[in-house]
Amino acid sequence: MKDDRTEDRARVGLCVGCANVHVVENRRGSRFYRCRLADVDPTFLRYPPLPVISCRGFTPNSAASPPEGT
């Protein structure tokens, strides 16, 4: 059985381990992954389509495990 982190990584992509993400969860339990870089750079989408497989703004989050394949 996979852990939640592995399933999130497959569904969400790089955002799971990015320092620039802000996870917004509503009362119904839906999660939205907001890119904080969009606040300062309009070329970034506030809510990028998932899964994000490539991003020039990706900064590894020191608290997260590294993306698979690295």
PDB file of N, CA and C in Angstrom:
ATOM      1  N   MET A   1       0.836  -1.190   0.000  1.00  0.00           N
ATOM      2  CA  MET A   1       0.000   0.000   0.000  1.00  0.00           C
ATOM      3  C   MET A   1       0.877   1.249   0.000  1.00  0.00           C
ATOM      4  N   LYS A   2       0.559   2.215  -0.852  1.00  0.00           N
ATOM      5  CA  LYS A   2       1.323   3.453  -0.942  1.00  0.00           C
ATOM      6  C   LYS A   2       0.968   4.381   0.210  1.00  0.00           C
ATOM      7  N   ASP A   3       1.936   5.212   0.617  1.00  0.00           N
ATOM      8  CA  ASP A   3       1.605   6.220   1.618  1.00  0.00           C
ATOM      9  C   ASP A   3       0.970   7.433   0.948  1.00  0.00           C
ATOM     10  N   ASP A   4       0.375   8.328   1.746  1.00  0.00           N
ATOM     11  CA  ASP A   4      -0.317   9.499   1.202  1.00  0.00           C
ATOM     12  C   ASP A   4       0.616  10.390   0.404  1.00  0.00           C
ATOM     13  N   ARG A   5       1.870  10.519   0.843  1.00  0.00           N
ATOM     14  CA  ARG A   5       2.847  11.392   0.186  1.00  0.00           C
ATOM     15  C   ARG A   5       3.108  10.917  -1.247  1.00  0.00           C
ATOM     16  N   THR A   6       3.248   9.620  -1.444  1.00  0.00           N
ATOM     17  CA  THR A   6       3.498   9.067  -2.774  1.00  0.00           C
ATOM     18  C   THR A   6       2.285   9.283  -3.672  1.00  0.00           C
ATOM     19  N   GLU A   7       1.089   9.074  -3.139  1.00  0.00           N
ATOM     20  CA  GLU A   7      -0.123   9.276  -3.935  1.00  0.00           C
ATOM     21  C   GLU A   7      -0.294  10.747  -4.293  1.00  0.00           C
ATOM     22  N   ASP A   8      -0.016  11.651  -3.341  1.00  0.00           N
ATOM     23  CA  ASP A   8      -0.094  13.084  -3.633  1.00  0.00           C
ATOM     24  C   ASP A   8       0.898  13.474  -4.711  1.00  0.00           C
ATOM     25  N   ARG A   9       2.106  12.945  -4.651  1.00  0.00           N
ATOM     26  CA  ARG A   9       3.139  13.279  -5.629  1.00  0.00           C
ATOM     27  C   ARG A   9       2.702  12.856  -7.028  1.00  0.00           C
ATOM     28  N   ALA A  10       2.075  11.709  -7.146  1.00  0.00           N
ATOM     29  CA  ALA A  10       1.618  11.237  -8.452  1.00  0.00           C
ATOM     30  C   ALA A  10       0.464  12.089  -8.974  1.00  0.00           C
ATOM     31  N   ARG A  11      -0.401  12.555  -8.101  1.00  0.00           N
ATOM     32  CA  ARG A  11      -1.587  13.316  -8.495  1.00  0.00           C
ATOM     33  C   ARG A  11      -1.290  14.799  -8.680  1.00  0.00           C
ATOM     34  N   VAL A  12      -0.393  15.347  -7.849  1.00  0.00           N
ATOM     35  CA  VAL A  12      -0.137  16.783  -7.827  1.00  0.00           C
ATOM     36  C   VAL A  12       1.151  17.156  -8.540  1.00  0.00           C
ATOM     37  N   GLY A  13       2.165  16.321  -8.449  1.00  0.00           N
ATOM     38  CA  GLY A  13       3.443  16.598  -9.095  1.00  0.00           C
ATOM     39  C   GLY A  13       4.396  17.358  -8.196  1.00  0.00           C
ATOM     40  N   LEU A  14       5.170  18.238  -8.801  1.00  0.00           N
ATOM     41  CA  LEU A  14       6.229  18.958  -8.090  1.00  0.00           C
ATOM     42  C   LEU A  14       5.727  19.811  -6.931  1.00  0.00           C
ATOM     43  N   CYS A  15       4.517  20.294  -7.013  1.00  0.00           N
ATOM     44  CA  CYS A  15       3.994  21.193  -5.970  1.00  0.00           C
ATOM     45  C   CYS A  15       4.054  20.567  -4.576  1.00  0.00           C
ATOM     46  N   VAL A  16       3.930  19.259  -4.497  1.00  0.00           N
ATOM     47  CA  VAL A  16       3.955  18.581  -3.196  1.00  0.00           C
ATOM     48  C   VAL A  16       5.234  18.896  -2.431  1.00  0.00           C
ATOM     49  N   GLY A  17       6.357  18.977  -3.124  1.00  0.00           N
ATOM     50  CA  GLY A  17       7.625  19.216  -2.458  1.00  0.00           C
ATOM     51  C   GLY A  17       8.205  20.598  -2.669  1.00  0.00           C
ATOM     52  N   CYS A  18       7.375  21.560  -3.066  1.00  0.00           N
ATOM     53  CA  CYS A  18       7.871  22.905  -3.372  1.00  0.00           C
ATOM     54  C   CYS A  18       7.683  23.862  -2.201  1.00  0.00           C
ATOM     55  N   ALA A  19       8.696  24.672  -1.964  1.00  0.00           N
ATOM     56  CA  ALA A  19       8.638  25.669  -0.893  1.00  0.00           C
ATOM     57  C   ALA A  19       7.683  26.815  -1.238  1.00  0.00           C
ATOM     58  N   ASN A  20       7.307  26.956  -2.488  1.00  0.00           N
ATOM     59  CA  ASN A  20       6.459  28.077  -2.921  1.00  0.00           C
ATOM     60  C   ASN A  20       4.972  27.752  -2.948  1.00  0.00           C
ATOM     61  N   VAL A  21       4.592  26.588  -2.489  1.00  0.00           N
ATOM     62  CA  VAL A  21       3.184  26.200  -2.542  1.00  0.00           C
ATOM     63  C   VAL A  21       2.474  26.568  -1.245  1.00  0.00           C
ATOM     64  N   HIS A  22       1.203  26.927  -1.393  1.00  0.00           N
ATOM     65  CA  HIS A  22       0.324  27.132  -0.239  1.00  0.00           C
ATOM     66  C   HIS A  22      -0.879  26.239  -0.487  1.00  0.00           C
ATOM     67  N   VAL A  23      -1.073  25.248   0.383  1.00  0.00           N
ATOM     68  CA  VAL A  23      -2.185  24.318   0.221  1.00  0.00           C
ATOM     69  C   VAL A  23      -3.412  24.908   0.909  1.00  0.00           C
ATOM     70  N   VAL A  24      -4.463  25.061   0.121  1.00  0.00           N
ATOM     71  CA  VAL A  24      -5.722  25.601   0.625  1.00  0.00           C
ATOM     72  C   VAL A  24      -6.715  24.451   0.666  1.00  0.00           C
ATOM     73  N   GLU A  25      -7.284  24.201   1.835  1.00  0.00           N
ATOM     74  CA  GLU A  25      -8.267  23.129   1.970  1.00  0.00           C
ATOM     75  C   GLU A  25      -9.596  23.742   2.399  1.00  0.00           C
ATOM     76  N   ASN A  26     -10.664  23.351   1.686  1.00  0.00           N
ATOM     77  CA  ASN A  26     -11.969  23.896   2.049  1.00  0.00           C
ATOM     78  C   ASN A  26     -12.683  22.982   3.048  1.00  0.00           C
ATOM     79  N   ARG A  27     -13.848  23.402   3.486  1.00  0.00           N
ATOM     80  CA  ARG A  27     -14.597  22.637   4.497  1.00  0.00           C
ATOM     81  C   ARG A  27     -15.026  21.268   4.010  1.00  0.00           C
ATOM     82  N   ARG A  28     -15.119  21.116   2.712  1.00  0.00           N
ATOM     83  CA  ARG A  28     -15.537  19.828   2.146  1.00  0.00           C
ATOM     84  C   ARG A  28     -14.369  18.876   1.951  1.00  0.00           C
ATOM     85  N   GLY A  29     -13.159  19.345   2.234  1.00  0.00           N
ATOM     86  CA  GLY A  29     -11.992  18.477   2.151  1.00  0.00           C
ATOM     87  C   GLY A  29     -11.222  18.562   0.841  1.00  0.00           C
ATOM     88  N   SER A  30     -11.667  19.402  -0.087  1.00  0.00           N
ATOM     89  CA  SER A  30     -10.933  19.565  -1.338  1.00  0.00           C
ATOM     90  C   SER A  30      -9.658  20.359  -1.072  1.00  0.00           C
ATOM     91  N   ARG A  31      -8.580  19.988  -1.759  1.00  0.00           N
ATOM     92  CA  ARG A  31      -7.310  20.696  -1.622  1.00  0.00           C
ATOM     93  C   ARG A  31      -6.969  21.403  -2.916  1.00  0.00           C
ATOM     94  N   PHE A  32      -6.499  22.635  -2.764  1.00  0.00           N
ATOM     95  CA  PHE A  32      -6.069  23.434  -3.902  1.00  0.00           C
ATOM     96  C   PHE A  32      -4.635  23.857  -3.641  1.00  0.00           C
ATOM     97  N   TYR A  33      -3.812  23.785  -4.666  1.00  0.00           N
ATOM     98  CA  TYR A  33      -2.383  24.080  -4.538  1.00  0.00           C
ATOM     99  C   TYR A  33      -2.100  25.420  -5.201  1.00  0.00           C
ATOM    100  N   ARG A  34      -1.912  26.459  -4.373  1.00  0.00           N
ATOM    101  CA  ARG A  34      -1.692  27.814  -4.855  1.00  0.00           C
ATOM    102  C   ARG A  34      -0.208  28.130  -4.894  1.00  0.00           C
ATOM    103  N   CYS A  35       0.225  28.663  -6.020  1.00  0.00           N
ATOM    104  CA  CYS A  35       1.632  29.029  -6.194  1.00  0.00           C
ATOM    105  C   CYS A  35       1.851  30.456  -5.675  1.00  0.00           C
ATOM    106  N   ARG A  36       2.687  30.595  -4.665  1.00  0.00           N
ATOM    107  CA  ARG A  36       2.977  31.915  -4.103  1.00  0.00           C
ATOM    108  C   ARG A  36       3.800  32.778  -5.049  1.00  0.00           C
ATOM    109  N   LEU A  37       4.480  32.182  -6.010  1.00  0.00           N
ATOM    110  CA  LEU A  37       5.254  32.966  -6.974  1.00  0.00           C
ATOM    111  C   LEU A  37       4.338  33.827  -7.846  1.00  0.00           C
ATOM    112  N   ALA A  38       3.099  33.405  -7.996  1.00  0.00           N
ATOM    113  CA  ALA A  38       2.135  34.180  -8.789  1.00  0.00           C
ATOM    114  C   ALA A  38       1.856  35.544  -8.163  1.00  0.00           C
ATOM    115  N   ASP A  39       2.113  35.693  -6.875  1.00  0.00           N
ATOM    116  CA  ASP A  39       1.901  36.972  -6.203  1.00  0.00           C
ATOM    117  C   ASP A  39       2.901  38.037  -6.656  1.00  0.00           C
ATOM    118  N   VAL A  40       4.084  37.592  -7.088  1.00  0.00           N
ATOM    119  CA  VAL A  40       5.139  38.543  -7.464  1.00  0.00           C
ATOM    120  C   VAL A  40       5.545  38.463  -8.935  1.00  0.00           C
ATOM    121  N   ASP A  41       5.130  37.404  -9.617  1.00  0.00           N
ATOM    122  CA  ASP A  41       5.493  37.217 -11.024  1.00  0.00           C
ATOM    123  C   ASP A  41       4.255  36.739 -11.788  1.00  0.00           C
ATOM    124  N   PRO A  42       3.682  37.586 -12.636  1.00  0.00           N
ATOM    125  CA  PRO A  42       2.449  37.225 -13.337  1.00  0.00           C
ATOM    126  C   PRO A  42       2.596  36.088 -14.352  1.00  0.00           C
ATOM    127  N   THR A  43       3.802  35.644 -14.635  1.00  0.00           N
ATOM    128  CA  THR A  43       3.966  34.527 -15.566  1.00  0.00           C
ATOM    129  C   THR A  43       3.651  33.180 -14.899  1.00  0.00           C
ATOM    130  N   PHE A  44       3.546  33.170 -13.574  1.00  0.00           N
ATOM    131  CA  PHE A  44       3.171  31.945 -12.858  1.00  0.00           C
ATOM    132  C   PHE A  44       1.664  31.945 -12.650  1.00  0.00           C
ATOM    133  N   LEU A  45       1.055  30.781 -12.840  1.00  0.00           N
ATOM    134  CA  LEU A  45      -0.379  30.642 -12.600  1.00  0.00           C
ATOM    135  C   LEU A  45      -0.638  30.500 -11.106  1.00  0.00           C
ATOM    136  N   ARG A  46      -1.640  31.190 -10.617  1.00  0.00           N
ATOM    137  CA  ARG A  46      -1.965  31.121  -9.183  1.00  0.00           C
ATOM    138  C   ARG A  46      -2.326  29.679  -8.793  1.00  0.00           C
ATOM    139  N   TYR A  47      -3.151  29.025  -9.597  1.00  0.00           N
ATOM    140  CA  TYR A  47      -3.537  27.628  -9.374  1.00  0.00           C
ATOM    141  C   TYR A  47      -3.196  26.851 -10.650  1.00  0.00           C
ATOM    142  N   PRO A  48      -1.980  26.311 -10.735  1.00  0.00           N
ATOM    143  CA  PRO A  48      -1.567  25.628 -11.969  1.00  0.00           C
ATOM    144  C   PRO A  48      -2.316  24.311 -12.169  1.00  0.00           C
ATOM    145  N   PRO A  49      -2.506  23.931 -13.427  1.00  0.00           N
ATOM    146  CA  PRO A  49      -3.129  22.629 -13.704  1.00  0.00           C
ATOM    147  C   PRO A  49      -2.237  21.511 -13.165  1.00  0.00           C
ATOM    148  N   LEU A  50      -2.862  20.533 -12.549  1.00  0.00           N
ATOM    149  CA  LEU A  50      -2.126  19.420 -11.952  1.00  0.00           C
ATOM    150  C   LEU A  50      -2.216  18.182 -12.824  1.00  0.00           C
ATOM    151  N   PRO A  51      -1.207  17.340 -12.830  1.00  0.00           N
ATOM    152  CA  PRO A  51       0.042  17.411 -12.079  1.00  0.00           C
ATOM    153  C   PRO A  51       1.045  18.344 -12.748  1.00  0.00           C
ATOM    154  N   VAL A  52       1.821  19.018 -11.931  1.00  0.00           N
ATOM    155  CA  VAL A  52       2.891  19.883 -12.429  1.00  0.00           C
ATOM    156  C   VAL A  52       4.130  18.997 -12.578  1.00  0.00           C
ATOM    157  N   ILE A  53       4.580  18.823 -13.819  1.00  0.00           N
ATOM    158  CA  ILE A  53       5.727  17.944 -14.054  1.00  0.00           C
ATOM    159  C   ILE A  53       7.009  18.724 -14.338  1.00  0.00           C
ATOM    160  N   SER A  54       6.853  20.019 -14.603  1.00  0.00           N
ATOM    161  CA  SER A  54       8.012  20.871 -14.864  1.00  0.00           C
ATOM    162  C   SER A  54       7.655  22.288 -14.435  1.00  0.00           C
ATOM    163  N   CYS A  55       8.590  22.933 -13.705  1.00  0.00           N
ATOM    164  CA  CYS A  55       8.328  24.299 -13.258  1.00  0.00           C
ATOM    165  C   CYS A  55       9.649  25.012 -13.021  1.00  0.00           C
ATOM    166  N   ARG A  56       9.822  26.157 -13.670  1.00  0.00           N
ATOM    167  CA  ARG A  56      11.072  26.905 -13.514  1.00  0.00           C
ATOM    168  C   ARG A  56      11.189  27.542 -12.143  1.00  0.00           C
ATOM    169  N   GLY A  57      10.090  27.635 -11.396  1.00  0.00           N
ATOM    170  CA  GLY A  57      10.112  28.225 -10.071  1.00  0.00           C
ATOM    171  C   GLY A  57      10.202  27.219  -8.940  1.00  0.00           C
ATOM    172  N   PHE A  58      10.322  25.936  -9.290  1.00  0.00           N
ATOM    173  CA  PHE A  58      10.369  24.903  -8.248  1.00  0.00           C
ATOM    174  C   PHE A  58      11.571  25.100  -7.336  1.00  0.00           C
ATOM    175  N   THR A  59      11.293  25.183  -6.044  1.00  0.00           N
ATOM    176  CA  THR A  59      12.322  25.262  -5.012  1.00  0.00           C
ATOM    177  C   THR A  59      12.027  24.152  -4.017  1.00  0.00           C
ATOM    178  N   PRO A  60      12.930  23.196  -3.872  1.00  0.00           N
ATOM    179  CA  PRO A  60      12.646  22.082  -2.954  1.00  0.00           C
ATOM    180  C   PRO A  60      12.371  22.567  -1.529  1.00  0.00           C
ATOM    181  N   ASN A  61      11.344  22.009  -0.942  1.00  0.00           N
ATOM    182  CA  ASN A  61      11.008  22.298   0.439  1.00  0.00           C
ATOM    183  C   ASN A  61      11.877  21.395   1.302  1.00  0.00           C
ATOM    184  N   SER A  62      12.609  21.960   2.221  1.00  0.00           N
ATOM    185  CA  SER A  62      13.529  21.170   3.047  1.00  0.00           C
ATOM    186  C   SER A  62      12.801  20.178   3.920  1.00  0.00           C
ATOM    187  N   ALA A  63      11.500  20.414   4.214  1.00  0.00           N
ATOM    188  CA  ALA A  63      10.733  19.500   5.056  1.00  0.00           C
ATOM    189  C   ALA A  63      10.132  18.337   4.258  1.00  0.00           C
ATOM    190  N   ALA A  64      10.136  18.448   2.940  1.00  0.00           N
ATOM    191  CA  ALA A  64       9.531  17.415   2.096  1.00  0.00           C
ATOM    192  C   ALA A  64      10.596  16.484   1.553  1.00  0.00           C
ATOM    193  N   SER A  65      10.176  15.286   1.224  1.00  0.00           N
ATOM    194  CA  SER A  65      11.115  14.358   0.599  1.00  0.00           C
ATOM    195  C   SER A  65      11.315  14.776  -0.840  1.00  0.00           C
ATOM    196  N   PRO A  66      12.486  14.486  -1.441  1.00  0.00           N
ATOM    197  CA  PRO A  66      12.759  14.910  -2.815  1.00  0.00           C
ATOM    198  C   PRO A  66      11.831  14.198  -3.808  1.00  0.00           C
ATOM    199  N   PRO A  67      11.562  14.833  -4.955  1.00  0.00           N
ATOM    200  CA  PRO A  67      10.726  14.199  -5.969  1.00  0.00           C
ATOM    201  C   PRO A  67      11.369  12.896  -6.435  1.00  0.00           C
ATOM    202  N   GLU A  68      10.511  11.959  -6.849  1.00  0.00           N
ATOM    203  CA  GLU A  68      11.009  10.682  -7.348  1.00  0.00           C
ATOM    204  C   GLU A  68      11.885  10.888  -8.568  1.00  0.00           C
ATOM    205  N   GLY A  69      12.896  10.073  -8.701  1.00  0.00           N
ATOM    206  CA  GLY A  69      13.772  10.139  -9.862  1.00  0.00           C
ATOM    207  C   GLY A  69      14.934  11.081  -9.693  1.00  0.00           C
ATOM    208  N   THR A  70      15.086  11.681  -8.490  1.00  0.00           N
ATOM    209  CA  THR A  70      16.224  12.573  -8.275  1.00  0.00           C
ATOM    210  C   THR A  70      17.131  12.012  -7.223  1.00  0.00           C
TER     211      THR A  70
END
